[in-house]
PDB file of N, CA and C in Angstrom:
ATOM      1  N   MET A   1     213.860 -36.303 159.168  1.00  0.00           N
ATOM      2  CA  MET A   1     214.333 -35.158 158.432  1.00  0.00           C
ATOM      3  C   MET A   1     213.133 -34.264 158.095  1.00  0.00           C
ATOM      4  N   LYS A   2     213.328 -32.973 158.239  1.00  0.00           N
ATOM      5  CA  LYS A   2     212.266 -32.020 157.944  1.00  0.00           C
ATOM      6  C   LYS A   2     212.149 -31.820 156.439  1.00  0.00           C
ATOM      7  N   LYS A   3     210.952 -31.512 155.977  1.00  0.00           N
ATOM      8  CA  LYS A   3     210.704 -31.309 154.558  1.00  0.00           C
ATOM      9  C   LYS A   3     211.522 -30.159 153.957  1.00  0.00           C
ATOM     10  N   PRO A   4     211.694 -29.011 154.615  1.00  0.00           N
ATOM     11  CA  PRO A   4     212.469 -27.926 154.009  1.00  0.00           C
ATOM     12  C   PRO A   4     213.937 -28.276 153.780  1.00  0.00           C
ATOM     13  N   GLN A   5     214.470 -29.274 154.462  1.00  0.00           N
ATOM     14  CA  GLN A   5     215.870 -29.651 154.283  1.00  0.00           C
ATOM     15  C   GLN A   5     216.102 -30.479 153.027  1.00  0.00           C
ATOM     16  N   LEU A   6     215.109 -31.202 152.579  1.00  0.00           N
ATOM     17  CA  LEU A   6     215.252 -32.074 151.418  1.00  0.00           C
ATOM     18  C   LEU A   6     215.659 -31.316 150.145  1.00  0.00           C
ATOM     19  N   PRO A   7     215.029 -30.195 149.795  1.00  0.00           N
ATOM     20  CA  PRO A   7     215.468 -29.458 148.604  1.00  0.00           C
ATOM     21  C   PRO A   7     216.907 -28.945 148.729  1.00  0.00           C
ATOM     22  N   LEU A   8     217.330 -28.569 149.931  1.00  0.00           N
ATOM     23  CA  LEU A   8     218.703 -28.110 150.130  1.00  0.00           C
ATOM     24  C   LEU A   8     219.697 -29.248 149.918  1.00  0.00           C
ATOM     25  N   ILE A   9     219.371 -30.415 150.395  1.00  0.00           N
ATOM     26  CA  ILE A   9     220.252 -31.569 150.226  1.00  0.00           C
ATOM     27  C   ILE A   9     220.342 -31.960 148.752  1.00  0.00           C
ATOM     28  N   ILE A  10     219.210 -31.980 148.073  1.00  0.00           N
ATOM     29  CA  ILE A  10     219.204 -32.324 146.641  1.00  0.00           C
ATOM     30  C   ILE A  10     219.964 -31.261 145.842  1.00  0.00           C
ATOM     31  N   GLY A  11     219.744 -29.997 146.153  1.00  0.00           N
ATOM     32  CA  GLY A  11     220.460 -28.910 145.473  1.00  0.00           C
ATOM     33  C   GLY A  11     221.960 -28.984 145.720  1.00  0.00           C
ATOM     34  N   GLY A  12     222.351 -29.263 146.946  1.00  0.00           N
ATOM     35  CA  GLY A  12     223.772 -29.398 147.264  1.00  0.00           C
ATOM     36  C   GLY A  12     224.404 -30.565 146.532  1.00  0.00           C
ATOM     37  N   PHE A  13     223.691 -31.671 146.453  1.00  0.00           N
ATOM     38  CA  PHE A  13     224.187 -32.835 145.724  1.00  0.00           C
ATOM     39  C   PHE A  13     224.346 -32.510 144.237  1.00  0.00           C
ATOM     40  N   ALA A  14     223.370 -31.803 143.664  1.00  0.00           N
ATOM     41  CA  ALA A  14     223.439 -31.436 142.243  1.00  0.00           C
ATOM     42  C   ALA A  14     224.636 -30.529 141.974  1.00  0.00           C
ATOM     43  N   ILE A  15     224.872 -29.559 142.836  1.00  0.00           N
ATOM     44  CA  ILE A  15     226.014 -28.650 142.666  1.00  0.00           C
ATOM     45  C   ILE A  15     227.322 -29.425 142.781  1.00  0.00           C
ATOM     46  N   LEU A  16     227.424 -30.303 143.751  1.00  0.00           N
ATOM     47  CA  LEU A  16     228.626 -31.118 143.923  1.00  0.00           C
ATOM     48  C   LEU A  16     228.872 -31.997 142.694  1.00  0.00           C
ATOM     49  N   LEU A  17     227.813 -32.570 142.161  1.00  0.00           N
ATOM     50  CA  LEU A  17     227.921 -33.402 140.965  1.00  0.00           C
ATOM     51  C   LEU A  17     228.447 -32.594 139.780  1.00  0.00           C
ATOM     52  N   LEU A  18     227.920 -31.384 139.586  1.00  0.00           N
ATOM     53  CA  LEU A  18     228.366 -30.530 138.485  1.00  0.00           C
ATOM     54  C   LEU A  18     229.831 -30.144 138.646  1.00  0.00           C
ATOM     55  N   VAL A  19     230.253 -29.809 139.855  1.00  0.00           N
ATOM     56  CA  VAL A  19     231.642 -29.414 140.093  1.00  0.00           C
ATOM     57  C   VAL A  19     232.587 -30.587 139.830  1.00  0.00           C
ATOM     58  N   LEU A  20     232.239 -31.760 140.312  1.00  0.00           N
ATOM     59  CA  LEU A  20     233.121 -32.917 140.171  1.00  0.00           C
ATOM     60  C   LEU A  20     233.206 -33.458 138.750  1.00  0.00           C
ATOM     61  N   THR A  21     232.205 -33.202 137.925  1.00  0.00           N
ATOM     62  CA  THR A  21     232.202 -33.727 136.561  1.00  0.00           C
ATOM     63  C   THR A  21     232.506 -32.673 135.499  1.00  0.00           C
ATOM     64  N   ASN A  22     232.973 -31.502 135.909  1.00  0.00           N
ATOM     65  CA  ASN A  22     233.327 -30.449 134.961  1.00  0.00           C
ATOM     66  C   ASN A  22     234.545 -30.903 134.141  1.00  0.00           C
ATOM     67  N   PRO A  23     234.459 -30.931 132.795  1.00  0.00           N
ATOM     68  CA  PRO A  23     235.561 -31.423 131.962  1.00  0.00           C
ATOM     69  C   PRO A  23     236.814 -30.545 132.057  1.00  0.00           C
ATOM     70  N   CYS A  24     237.982 -31.184 131.948  1.00  0.00           N
ATOM     71  CA  CYS A  24     239.257 -30.465 131.981  1.00  0.00           C
ATOM     72  C   CYS A  24     239.607 -29.952 130.577  1.00  0.00           C
ATOM     73  N   ILE A  25     240.692 -29.185 130.484  1.00  0.00           N
ATOM     74  CA  ILE A  25     241.099 -28.582 129.208  1.00  0.00           C
ATOM     75  C   ILE A  25     241.417 -29.652 128.156  1.00  0.00           C
ATOM     76  N   GLU A  26     242.003 -30.761 128.575  1.00  0.00           N
ATOM     77  CA  GLU A  26     242.334 -31.822 127.619  1.00  0.00           C
ATOM     78  C   GLU A  26     241.078 -32.408 126.978  1.00  0.00           C
ATOM     79  N   GLU A  27     240.009 -32.518 127.755  1.00  0.00           N
ATOM     80  CA  GLU A  27     238.753 -33.037 127.204  1.00  0.00           C
ATOM     81  C   GLU A  27     238.147 -32.055 126.202  1.00  0.00           C
ATOM     82  N   HIS A  28     238.289 -30.759 126.455  1.00  0.00           N
ATOM     83  CA  HIS A  28     237.792 -29.749 125.515  1.00  0.00           C
ATOM     84  C   HIS A  28     238.578 -29.826 124.205  1.00  0.00           C
ATOM     85  N   LYS A  29     239.909 -29.904 124.296  1.00  0.00           N
ATOM     86  CA  LYS A  29     240.739 -29.976 123.094  1.00  0.00           C
ATOM     87  C   LYS A  29     240.463 -31.262 122.318  1.00  0.00           C
ATOM     88  N   ALA A  30     240.286 -32.356 123.026  1.00  0.00           N
ATOM     89  CA  ALA A  30     239.990 -33.623 122.356  1.00  0.00           C
ATOM     90  C   ALA A  30     238.658 -33.565 121.618  1.00  0.00           C
ATOM     91  N   ALA A  31     237.676 -32.903 122.205  1.00  0.00           N
ATOM     92  CA  ALA A  31     236.369 -32.779 121.547  1.00  0.00           C
ATOM     93  C   ALA A  31     236.471 -31.950 120.271  1.00  0.00           C
ATOM     94  N   VAL A  32     237.258 -30.873 120.309  1.00  0.00           N
ATOM     95  CA  VAL A  32     237.439 -30.042 119.113  1.00  0.00           C
ATOM     96  C   VAL A  32     238.183 -30.837 118.045  1.00  0.00           C
ATOM     97  N   LYS A  33     239.242 -31.562 118.437  1.00  0.00           N
ATOM     98  CA  LYS A  33     239.990 -32.378 117.474  1.00  0.00           C
ATOM     99  C   LYS A  33     239.082 -33.410 116.824  1.00  0.00           C
ATOM    100  N   THR A  34     238.278 -34.074 117.628  1.00  0.00           N
ATOM    101  CA  THR A  34     237.369 -35.091 117.107  1.00  0.00           C
ATOM    102  C   THR A  34     236.392 -34.489 116.105  1.00  0.00           C
ATOM    103  N   LYS A  35     235.820 -33.343 116.456  1.00  0.00           N
ATOM    104  CA  LYS A  35     234.840 -32.688 115.583  1.00  0.00           C
ATOM    105  C   LYS A  35     235.470 -32.317 114.240  1.00  0.00           C
ATOM    106  N   ILE A  36     236.675 -31.769 114.285  1.00  0.00           N
ATOM    107  CA  ILE A  36     237.331 -31.343 113.042  1.00  0.00           C
ATOM    108  C   ILE A  36     237.809 -32.543 112.238  1.00  0.00           C
ATOM    109  N   MET A  37     238.371 -33.532 112.913  1.00  0.00           N
ATOM    110  CA  MET A  37     238.872 -34.698 112.199  1.00  0.00           C
ATOM    111  C   MET A  37     237.737 -35.522 111.589  1.00  0.00           C
ATOM    112  N   GLU A  38     236.565 -35.499 112.201  1.00  0.00           N
ATOM    113  CA  GLU A  38     235.415 -36.196 111.629  1.00  0.00           C
ATOM    114  C   GLU A  38     235.083 -35.646 110.257  1.00  0.00           C
ATOM    115  N   THR A  39     235.196 -34.353 110.099  1.00  0.00           N
ATOM    116  CA  THR A  39     234.820 -33.736 108.835  1.00  0.00           C
ATOM    117  C   THR A  39     236.015 -33.575 107.906  1.00  0.00           C
ATOM    118  N   ALA A  40     236.939 -32.714 108.246  1.00  0.00           N
ATOM    119  CA  ALA A  40     238.046 -32.392 107.341  1.00  0.00           C
ATOM    120  C   ALA A  40     239.101 -33.482 107.280  1.00  0.00           C
ATOM    121  N   GLY A  41     239.528 -33.985 108.426  1.00  0.00           N
ATOM    122  CA  GLY A  41     240.612 -34.965 108.465  1.00  0.00           C
ATOM    123  C   GLY A  41     240.270 -36.259 107.769  1.00  0.00           C
ATOM    124  N   GLY A  42     239.081 -36.764 107.997  1.00  0.00           N
ATOM    125  CA  GLY A  42     238.671 -38.016 107.374  1.00  0.00           C
ATOM    126  C   GLY A  42     238.606 -37.901 105.861  1.00  0.00           C
ATOM    127  N   GLU A  43     238.119 -36.789 105.362  1.00  0.00           N
ATOM    128  CA  GLU A  43     238.037 -36.575 103.915  1.00  0.00           C
ATOM    129  C   GLU A  43     239.426 -36.489 103.303  1.00  0.00           C
ATOM    130  N   MET A  44     240.348 -35.778 103.980  1.00  0.00           N
ATOM    131  CA  MET A  44     241.707 -35.628 103.445  1.00  0.00           C
ATOM    132  C   MET A  44     242.408 -36.973 103.342  1.00  0.00           C
ATOM    133  N   ILE A  45     242.307 -37.785 104.387  1.00  0.00           N
ATOM    134  CA  ILE A  45     242.999 -39.069 104.384  1.00  0.00           C
ATOM    135  C   ILE A  45     242.387 -40.014 103.358  1.00  0.00           C
ATOM    136  N   LYS A  46     241.050 -39.992 103.198  1.00  0.00           N
ATOM    137  CA  LYS A  46     240.396 -40.847 102.207  1.00  0.00           C
ATOM    138  C   LYS A  46     240.837 -40.471 100.792  1.00  0.00           C
ATOM    139  N   GLU A  47     240.882 -39.166 100.498  1.00  0.00           N
ATOM    140  CA  GLU A  47     241.332 -38.718  99.181  1.00  0.00           C
ATOM    141  C   GLU A  47     242.782 -39.110  98.943  1.00  0.00           C
ATOM    142  N   ALA A  48     243.608 -38.968  99.984  1.00  0.00           N
ATOM    143  CA  ALA A  48     245.028 -39.287  99.849  1.00  0.00           C
ATOM    144  C   ALA A  48     245.233 -40.781  99.618  1.00  0.00           C
ATOM    145  N   GLU A  49     244.431 -41.617 100.270  1.00  0.00           N
ATOM    146  CA  GLU A  49     244.557 -43.068 100.067  1.00  0.00           C
ATOM    147  C   GLU A  49     244.203 -43.445  98.636  1.00  0.00           C
ATOM    148  N   ASP A  50     243.254 -42.725  98.053  1.00  0.00           N
ATOM    149  CA  ASP A  50     242.892 -42.984  96.665  1.00  0.00           C
ATOM    150  C   ASP A  50     244.042 -42.633  95.728  1.00  0.00           C
ATOM    151  N   LYS A  51     244.777 -41.577  96.062  1.00  0.00           N
ATOM    152  CA  LYS A  51     245.896 -41.144  95.224  1.00  0.00           C
ATOM    153  C   LYS A  51     247.156 -41.934  95.532  1.00  0.00           C
ATOM    154  N   GLY A  52     247.297 -42.395  96.788  1.00  0.00           N
ATOM    155  CA  GLY A  52     248.431 -43.232  97.180  1.00  0.00           C
ATOM    156  C   GLY A  52     249.686 -42.446  97.499  1.00  0.00           C
ATOM    157  N   GLY A  53     250.729 -43.186  97.905  1.00  0.00           N
ATOM    158  CA  GLY A  53     252.075 -42.675  98.119  1.00  0.00           C
ATOM    159  C   GLY A  53     252.219 -41.414  98.944  1.00  0.00           C
ATOM    160  N   PHE A  54     252.778 -40.392  98.297  1.00  0.00           N
ATOM    161  CA  PHE A  54     253.104 -39.146  98.992  1.00  0.00           C
ATOM    162  C   PHE A  54     251.874 -38.369  99.429  1.00  0.00           C
ATOM    163  N   ALA A  55     250.757 -38.589  98.771  1.00  0.00           N
ATOM    164  CA  ALA A  55     249.528 -37.896  99.158  1.00  0.00           C
ATOM    165  C   ALA A  55     249.093 -38.327 100.557  1.00  0.00           C
ATOM    166  N   THR A  56     249.262 -39.606 100.882  1.00  0.00           N
ATOM    167  CA  THR A  56     248.921 -40.101 102.218  1.00  0.00           C
ATOM    168  C   THR A  56     249.837 -39.471 103.253  1.00  0.00           C
ATOM    169  N   LEU A  57     251.120 -39.405 102.954  1.00  0.00           N
ATOM    170  CA  LEU A  57     252.078 -38.762 103.856  1.00  0.00           C
ATOM    171  C   LEU A  57     251.720 -37.300 104.071  1.00  0.00           C
ATOM    172  N   GLY A  58     251.360 -36.608 103.009  1.00  0.00           N
ATOM    173  CA  GLY A  58     250.966 -35.206 103.115  1.00  0.00           C
ATOM    174  C   GLY A  58     249.720 -35.023 103.970  1.00  0.00           C
ATOM    175  N   ALA A  59     248.748 -35.929 103.816  1.00  0.00           N
ATOM    176  CA  ALA A  59     247.525 -35.846 104.621  1.00  0.00           C
ATOM    177  C   ALA A  59     247.826 -36.064 106.092  1.00  0.00           C
ATOM    178  N   MET A  60     248.720 -36.994 106.399  1.00  0.00           N
ATOM    179  CA  MET A  60     249.073 -37.246 107.796  1.00  0.00           C
ATOM    180  C   MET A  60     249.840 -36.073 108.396  1.00  0.00           C
ATOM    181  N   LEU A  61     250.723 -35.471 107.616  1.00  0.00           N
ATOM    182  CA  LEU A  61     251.428 -34.273 108.096  1.00  0.00           C
ATOM    183  C   LEU A  61     250.449 -33.128 108.321  1.00  0.00           C
ATOM    184  N   GLY A  62     249.463 -32.999 107.435  1.00  0.00           N
ATOM    185  CA  GLY A  62     248.432 -31.969 107.599  1.00  0.00           C
ATOM    186  C   GLY A  62     247.614 -32.196 108.854  1.00  0.00           C
ATOM    187  N   ALA A  63     247.297 -33.449 109.157  1.00  0.00           N
ATOM    188  CA  ALA A  63     246.547 -33.767 110.375  1.00  0.00           C
ATOM    189  C   ALA A  63     247.363 -33.437 111.612  1.00  0.00           C
ATOM    190  N   THR A  64     248.674 -33.693 111.565  1.00  0.00           N
ATOM    191  CA  THR A  64     249.548 -33.352 112.695  1.00  0.00           C
ATOM    192  C   THR A  64     249.615 -31.849 112.874  1.00  0.00           C
ATOM    193  N   PHE A  65     249.718 -31.115 111.773  1.00  0.00           N
ATOM    194  CA  PHE A  65     249.741 -29.656 111.842  1.00  0.00           C
ATOM    195  C   PHE A  65     248.434 -29.130 112.427  1.00  0.00           C
ATOM    196  N   ALA A  66     247.318 -29.707 112.002  1.00  0.00           N
ATOM    197  CA  ALA A  66     246.001 -29.286 112.509  1.00  0.00           C
ATOM    198  C   ALA A  66     245.906 -29.542 114.012  1.00  0.00           C
ATOM    199  N   GLU A  67     246.433 -30.664 114.460  1.00  0.00           N
ATOM    200  CA  GLU A  67     246.394 -30.988 115.886  1.00  0.00           C
ATOM    201  C   GLU A  67     247.203 -29.979 116.701  1.00  0.00           C
ATOM    202  N   ASN A  68     248.380 -29.611 116.208  1.00  0.00           N
ATOM    203  CA  ASN A  68     249.194 -28.601 116.902  1.00  0.00           C
ATOM    204  C   ASN A  68     248.506 -27.244 116.908  1.00  0.00           C
ATOM    205  N   LEU A  69     247.848 -26.914 115.817  1.00  0.00           N
ATOM    206  CA  LEU A  69     247.118 -25.647 115.729  1.00  0.00           C
ATOM    207  C   LEU A  69     245.981 -25.609 116.743  1.00  0.00           C
ATOM    208  N   ILE A  70     245.261 -26.700 116.869  1.00  0.00           N
ATOM    209  CA  ILE A  70     244.163 -26.783 117.834  1.00  0.00           C
ATOM    210  C   ILE A  70     244.695 -26.629 119.253  1.00  0.00           C
ATOM    211  N   ASN A  71     245.826 -27.282 119.547  1.00  0.00           N
ATOM    212  CA  ASN A  71     246.409 -27.166 120.887  1.00  0.00           C
ATOM    213  C   ASN A  71     246.750 -25.727 121.233  1.00  0.00           C
ATOM    214  N   ASN A  72     247.145 -24.938 120.243  1.00  0.00           N
ATOM    215  CA  ASN A  72     247.515 -23.543 120.494  1.00  0.00           C
ATOM    216  C   ASN A  72     246.322 -22.591 120.514  1.00  0.00           C
ATOM    217  N   LEU A  73     245.262 -22.896 119.778  1.00  0.00           N
ATOM    218  CA  LEU A  73     244.137 -21.970 119.643  1.00  0.00           C
ATOM    219  C   LEU A  73     243.009 -22.200 120.644  1.00  0.00           C
ATOM    220  N   VAL A  74     242.873 -23.410 121.147  1.00  0.00           N
ATOM    221  CA  VAL A  74     241.720 -23.750 121.992  1.00  0.00           C
ATOM    222  C   VAL A  74     242.068 -23.564 123.471  1.00  0.00           C
ATOM    223  N   SER A  75     241.138 -22.931 124.187  1.00  0.00           N
ATOM    224  CA  SER A  75     241.286 -22.741 125.628  1.00  0.00           C
ATOM    225  C   SER A  75     239.946 -23.017 126.309  1.00  0.00           C
ATOM    226  N   ARG A  76     239.958 -22.965 127.644  1.00  0.00           N
ATOM    227  CA  ARG A  76     238.753 -23.257 128.414  1.00  0.00           C
ATOM    228  C   ARG A  76     238.583 -22.207 129.490  1.00  0.00           C
ATOM    229  N   ASP A  77     237.347 -21.741 129.655  1.00  0.00           N
ATOM    230  CA  ASP A  77     236.979 -20.880 130.780  1.00  0.00           C
ATOM    231  C   ASP A  77     236.209 -21.743 131.768  1.00  0.00           C
ATOM    232  N   ASN A  78     236.709 -21.842 132.994  1.00  0.00           N
ATOM    233  CA  ASN A  78     236.109 -22.698 134.004  1.00  0.00           C
ATOM    234  C   ASN A  78     235.197 -21.881 134.913  1.00  0.00           C
ATOM    235  N   TYR A  79     233.948 -22.272 134.997  1.00  0.00           N
ATOM    236  CA  TYR A  79     232.971 -21.615 135.865  1.00  0.00           C
ATOM    237  C   TYR A  79     232.485 -22.560 136.963  1.00  0.00           C
ATOM    238  N   LEU A  80     233.318 -23.540 137.319  1.00  0.00           N
ATOM    239  CA  LEU A  80     233.079 -24.557 138.344  1.00  0.00           C
ATOM    240  C   LEU A  80     231.924 -25.496 138.020  1.00  0.00           C
ATOM    241  N   LEU A  81     230.732 -24.997 137.758  1.00  0.00           N
ATOM    242  CA  LEU A  81     229.590 -25.855 137.454  1.00  0.00           C
ATOM    243  C   LEU A  81     229.584 -26.305 135.987  1.00  0.00           C
ATOM    244  N   PHE A  82     230.172 -25.508 135.113  1.00  0.00           N
ATOM    245  CA  PHE A  82     230.292 -25.812 133.692  1.00  0.00           C
ATOM    246  C   PHE A  82     231.520 -25.085 133.178  1.00  0.00           C
ATOM    247  N   SER A  83     231.906 -25.347 131.948  1.00  0.00           N
ATOM    248  CA  SER A  83     233.041 -24.663 131.347  1.00  0.00           C
ATOM    249  C   SER A  83     232.741 -24.375 129.884  1.00  0.00           C
ATOM    250  N   LEU A  84     233.423 -23.366 129.353  1.00  0.00           N
ATOM    251  CA  LEU A  84     233.229 -22.961 127.959  1.00  0.00           C
ATOM    252  C   LEU A  84     234.498 -23.245 127.162  1.00  0.00           C
ATOM    253  N   THR A  85     234.333 -23.793 125.977  1.00  0.00           N
ATOM    254  CA  THR A  85     235.439 -24.004 125.057  1.00  0.00           C
ATOM    255  C   THR A  85     235.563 -22.752 124.214  1.00  0.00           C
ATOM    256  N   LYS A  86     236.774 -22.187 124.169  1.00  0.00           N
ATOM    257  CA  LYS A  86     236.995 -20.977 123.377  1.00  0.00           C
ATOM    258  C   LYS A  86     238.114 -21.203 122.378  1.00  0.00           C
ATOM    259  N   ALA A  87     237.989 -20.577 121.219  1.00  0.00           N
ATOM    260  CA  ALA A  87     239.035 -20.579 120.207  1.00  0.00           C
ATOM    261  C   ALA A  87     239.417 -19.126 119.943  1.00  0.00           C
ATOM    262  N   THR A  88     240.708 -18.864 119.843  1.00  0.00           N
ATOM    263  CA  THR A  88     241.202 -17.507 119.642  1.00  0.00           C
ATOM    264  C   THR A  88     241.719 -17.357 118.218  1.00  0.00           C
ATOM    265  N   PHE A  89     241.151 -16.397 117.485  1.00  0.00           N
ATOM    266  CA  PHE A  89     241.564 -16.076 116.121  1.00  0.00           C
ATOM    267  C   PHE A  89     241.885 -14.596 116.057  1.00  0.00           C
ATOM    268  N   ASP A  90     243.055 -14.259 115.581  1.00  0.00           N
ATOM    269  CA  ASP A  90     243.451 -12.857 115.405  1.00  0.00           C
ATOM    270  C   ASP A  90     243.210 -12.041 116.664  1.00  0.00           C
ATOM    271  N   GLY A  91     243.495 -12.607 117.827  1.00  0.00           N
ATOM    272  CA  GLY A  91     243.323 -11.909 119.088  1.00  0.00           C
ATOM    273  C   GLY A  91     241.896 -11.837 119.596  1.00  0.00           C
ATOM    274  N   GLU A  92     240.948 -12.445 118.900  1.00  0.00           N
ATOM    275  CA  GLU A  92     239.540 -12.423 119.298  1.00  0.00           C
ATOM    276  C   GLU A  92     239.103 -13.837 119.680  1.00  0.00           C
ATOM    277  N   SER A  93     238.543 -13.980 120.890  1.00  0.00           N
ATOM    278  CA  SER A  93     238.079 -15.285 121.358  1.00  0.00           C
ATOM    279  C   SER A  93     236.610 -15.481 121.033  1.00  0.00           C
ATOM    280  N   LYS A  94     236.289 -16.706 120.611  1.00  0.00           N
ATOM    281  CA  LYS A  94     234.900 -17.066 120.322  1.00  0.00           C
ATOM    282  C   LYS A  94     234.565 -18.346 121.063  1.00  0.00           C
ATOM    283  N   ILE A  95     233.368 -18.399 121.606  1.00  0.00           N
ATOM    284  CA  ILE A  95     232.896 -19.594 122.292  1.00  0.00           C
ATOM    285  C   ILE A  95     232.447 -20.605 121.246  1.00  0.00           C
ATOM    286  N   ILE A  96     233.033 -21.811 121.298  1.00  0.00           N
ATOM    287  CA  ILE A  96     232.674 -22.833 120.318  1.00  0.00           C
ATOM    288  C   ILE A  96     232.114 -24.093 120.972  1.00  0.00           C
ATOM    289  N   GLY A  97     232.032 -24.110 122.307  1.00  0.00           N
ATOM    290  CA  GLY A  97     231.498 -25.296 122.959  1.00  0.00           C
ATOM    291  C   GLY A  97     231.230 -25.092 124.437  1.00  0.00           C
ATOM    292  N   VAL A  98     230.547 -26.078 125.027  1.00  0.00           N
ATOM    293  CA  VAL A  98     230.194 -26.058 126.444  1.00  0.00           C
ATOM    294  C   VAL A  98     230.534 -27.416 127.036  1.00  0.00           C
ATOM    295  N   GLY A  99     231.136 -27.399 128.226  1.00  0.00           N
ATOM    296  CA  GLY A  99     231.427 -28.630 128.941  1.00  0.00           C
ATOM    297  C   GLY A  99     230.601 -28.710 130.210  1.00  0.00           C
ATOM    298  N   ILE A 100     229.887 -29.805 130.385  1.00  0.00           N
ATOM    299  CA  ILE A 100     229.055 -29.988 131.570  1.00  0.00           C
ATOM    300  C   ILE A 100     228.830 -31.487 131.782  1.00  0.00           C
ATOM    301  N   LEU A 101     228.795 -31.898 133.034  1.00  0.00           N
ATOM    302  CA  LEU A 101     228.544 -33.291 133.403  1.00  0.00           C
ATOM    303  C   LEU A 101     229.472 -34.274 132.694  1.00  0.00           C
ATOM    304  N   GLY A 102     230.747 -33.924 132.566  1.00  0.00           N
ATOM    305  CA  GLY A 102     231.728 -34.815 131.969  1.00  0.00           C
ATOM    306  C   GLY A 102     231.704 -34.881 130.456  1.00  0.00           C
ATOM    307  N   ASN A 103     230.875 -34.081 129.806  1.00  0.00           N
ATOM    308  CA  ASN A 103     230.772 -34.063 128.349  1.00  0.00           C
ATOM    309  C   ASN A 103     231.130 -32.687 127.820  1.00  0.00           C
ATOM    310  N   VAL A 104     231.633 -32.660 126.586  1.00  0.00           N
ATOM    311  CA  VAL A 104     231.904 -31.396 125.905  1.00  0.00           C
ATOM    312  C   VAL A 104     231.083 -31.394 124.625  1.00  0.00           C
ATOM    313  N   PHE A 105     230.274 -30.371 124.458  1.00  0.00           N
ATOM    314  CA  PHE A 105     229.416 -30.225 123.279  1.00  0.00           C
ATOM    315  C   PHE A 105     229.961 -29.089 122.437  1.00  0.00           C
ATOM    316  N   ILE A 106     230.415 -29.413 121.215  1.00  0.00           N
ATOM    317  CA  ILE A 106     231.012 -28.437 120.314  1.00  0.00           C
ATOM    318  C   ILE A 106     229.952 -27.962 119.331  1.00  0.00           C
ATOM    319  N   THR A 107     229.904 -26.646 119.120  1.00  0.00           N
ATOM    320  CA  THR A 107     228.935 -26.075 118.187  1.00  0.00           C
ATOM    321  C   THR A 107     229.461 -26.178 116.767  1.00  0.00           C
ATOM    322  N   THR A 108     228.710 -25.661 115.837  1.00  0.00           N
ATOM    323  CA  THR A 108     229.131 -25.658 114.434  1.00  0.00           C
ATOM    324  C   THR A 108     230.068 -24.498 114.137  1.00  0.00           C
ATOM    325  N   LYS A 109     230.427 -23.731 115.127  1.00  0.00           N
ATOM    326  CA  LYS A 109     231.339 -22.602 114.917  1.00  0.00           C
ATOM    327  C   LYS A 109     232.778 -23.058 114.713  1.00  0.00           C
ATOM    328  N   THR A 110     233.016 -24.353 114.625  1.00  0.00           N
ATOM    329  CA  THR A 110     234.362 -24.853 114.388  1.00  0.00           C
ATOM    330  C   THR A 110     234.757 -24.715 112.918  1.00  0.00           C
ATOM    331  N   ASP A 111     233.859 -24.232 112.074  1.00  0.00           N
ATOM    332  CA  ASP A 111     234.168 -24.085 110.653  1.00  0.00           C
ATOM    333  C   ASP A 111     235.370 -23.176 110.433  1.00  0.00           C
ATOM    334  N   GLU A 112     235.457 -22.077 111.176  1.00  0.00           N
ATOM    335  CA  GLU A 112     236.586 -21.165 111.019  1.00  0.00           C
ATOM    336  C   GLU A 112     237.878 -21.832 111.479  1.00  0.00           C
ATOM    337  N   LEU A 113     237.822 -22.589 112.535  1.00  0.00           N
ATOM    338  CA  LEU A 113     238.988 -23.321 113.018  1.00  0.00           C
ATOM    339  C   LEU A 113     239.419 -24.363 112.000  1.00  0.00           C
ATOM    340  N   LYS A 114     238.433 -25.017 111.372  1.00  0.00           N
ATOM    341  CA  LYS A 114     238.724 -26.025 110.359  1.00  0.00           C
ATOM    342  C   LYS A 114     239.402 -25.394 109.146  1.00  0.00           C
ATOM    343  N   LYS A 115     238.963 -24.201 108.745  1.00  0.00           N
ATOM    344  CA  LYS A 115     239.571 -23.517 107.607  1.00  0.00           C
ATOM    345  C   LYS A 115     241.030 -23.186 107.892  1.00  0.00           C
ATOM    346  N   ARG A 116     241.321 -22.776 109.121  1.00  0.00           N
ATOM    347  CA  ARG A 116     242.717 -22.448 109.472  1.00  0.00           C
ATOM    348  C   ARG A 116     243.580 -23.683 109.544  1.00  0.00           C
ATOM    349  N   ALA A 117     242.981 -24.829 109.869  1.00  0.00           N
ATOM    350  CA  ALA A 117     243.739 -26.071 109.967  1.00  0.00           C
ATOM    351  C   ALA A 117     244.087 -26.628 108.593  1.00  0.00           C
ATOM    352  N   ASP A 118     243.275 -26.327 107.578  1.00  0.00           N
ATOM    353  CA  ASP A 118     243.518 -26.871 106.224  1.00  0.00           C
ATOM    354  C   ASP A 118     244.630 -26.188 105.510  1.00  0.00           C
TER     355      ASP A 118
END
């Protein structure tokens, strides 16, 4: 094999790897849900367990509502090699994460989404 071909083969392999491991929309939504539930959802359920009874039921209903809200607000822009997680508020889309190599990295911009879920 000639030396000039090696960088082309490695580059082609890298591009193929990025395309094949680009996360799907479900992975983006799951990452946003996880990020929000880690902060807001966990606190709500812990407080409700301390109060007991109907407070726990209310916290679980709130978590279900938040999950439905996330499903409606979160979308993905696919650029083949990577993808962007977007959330739409009042007709305006904001980038809140990046998906690459099978992972989704959510930024701290989920605060506005968390406020709407509460």
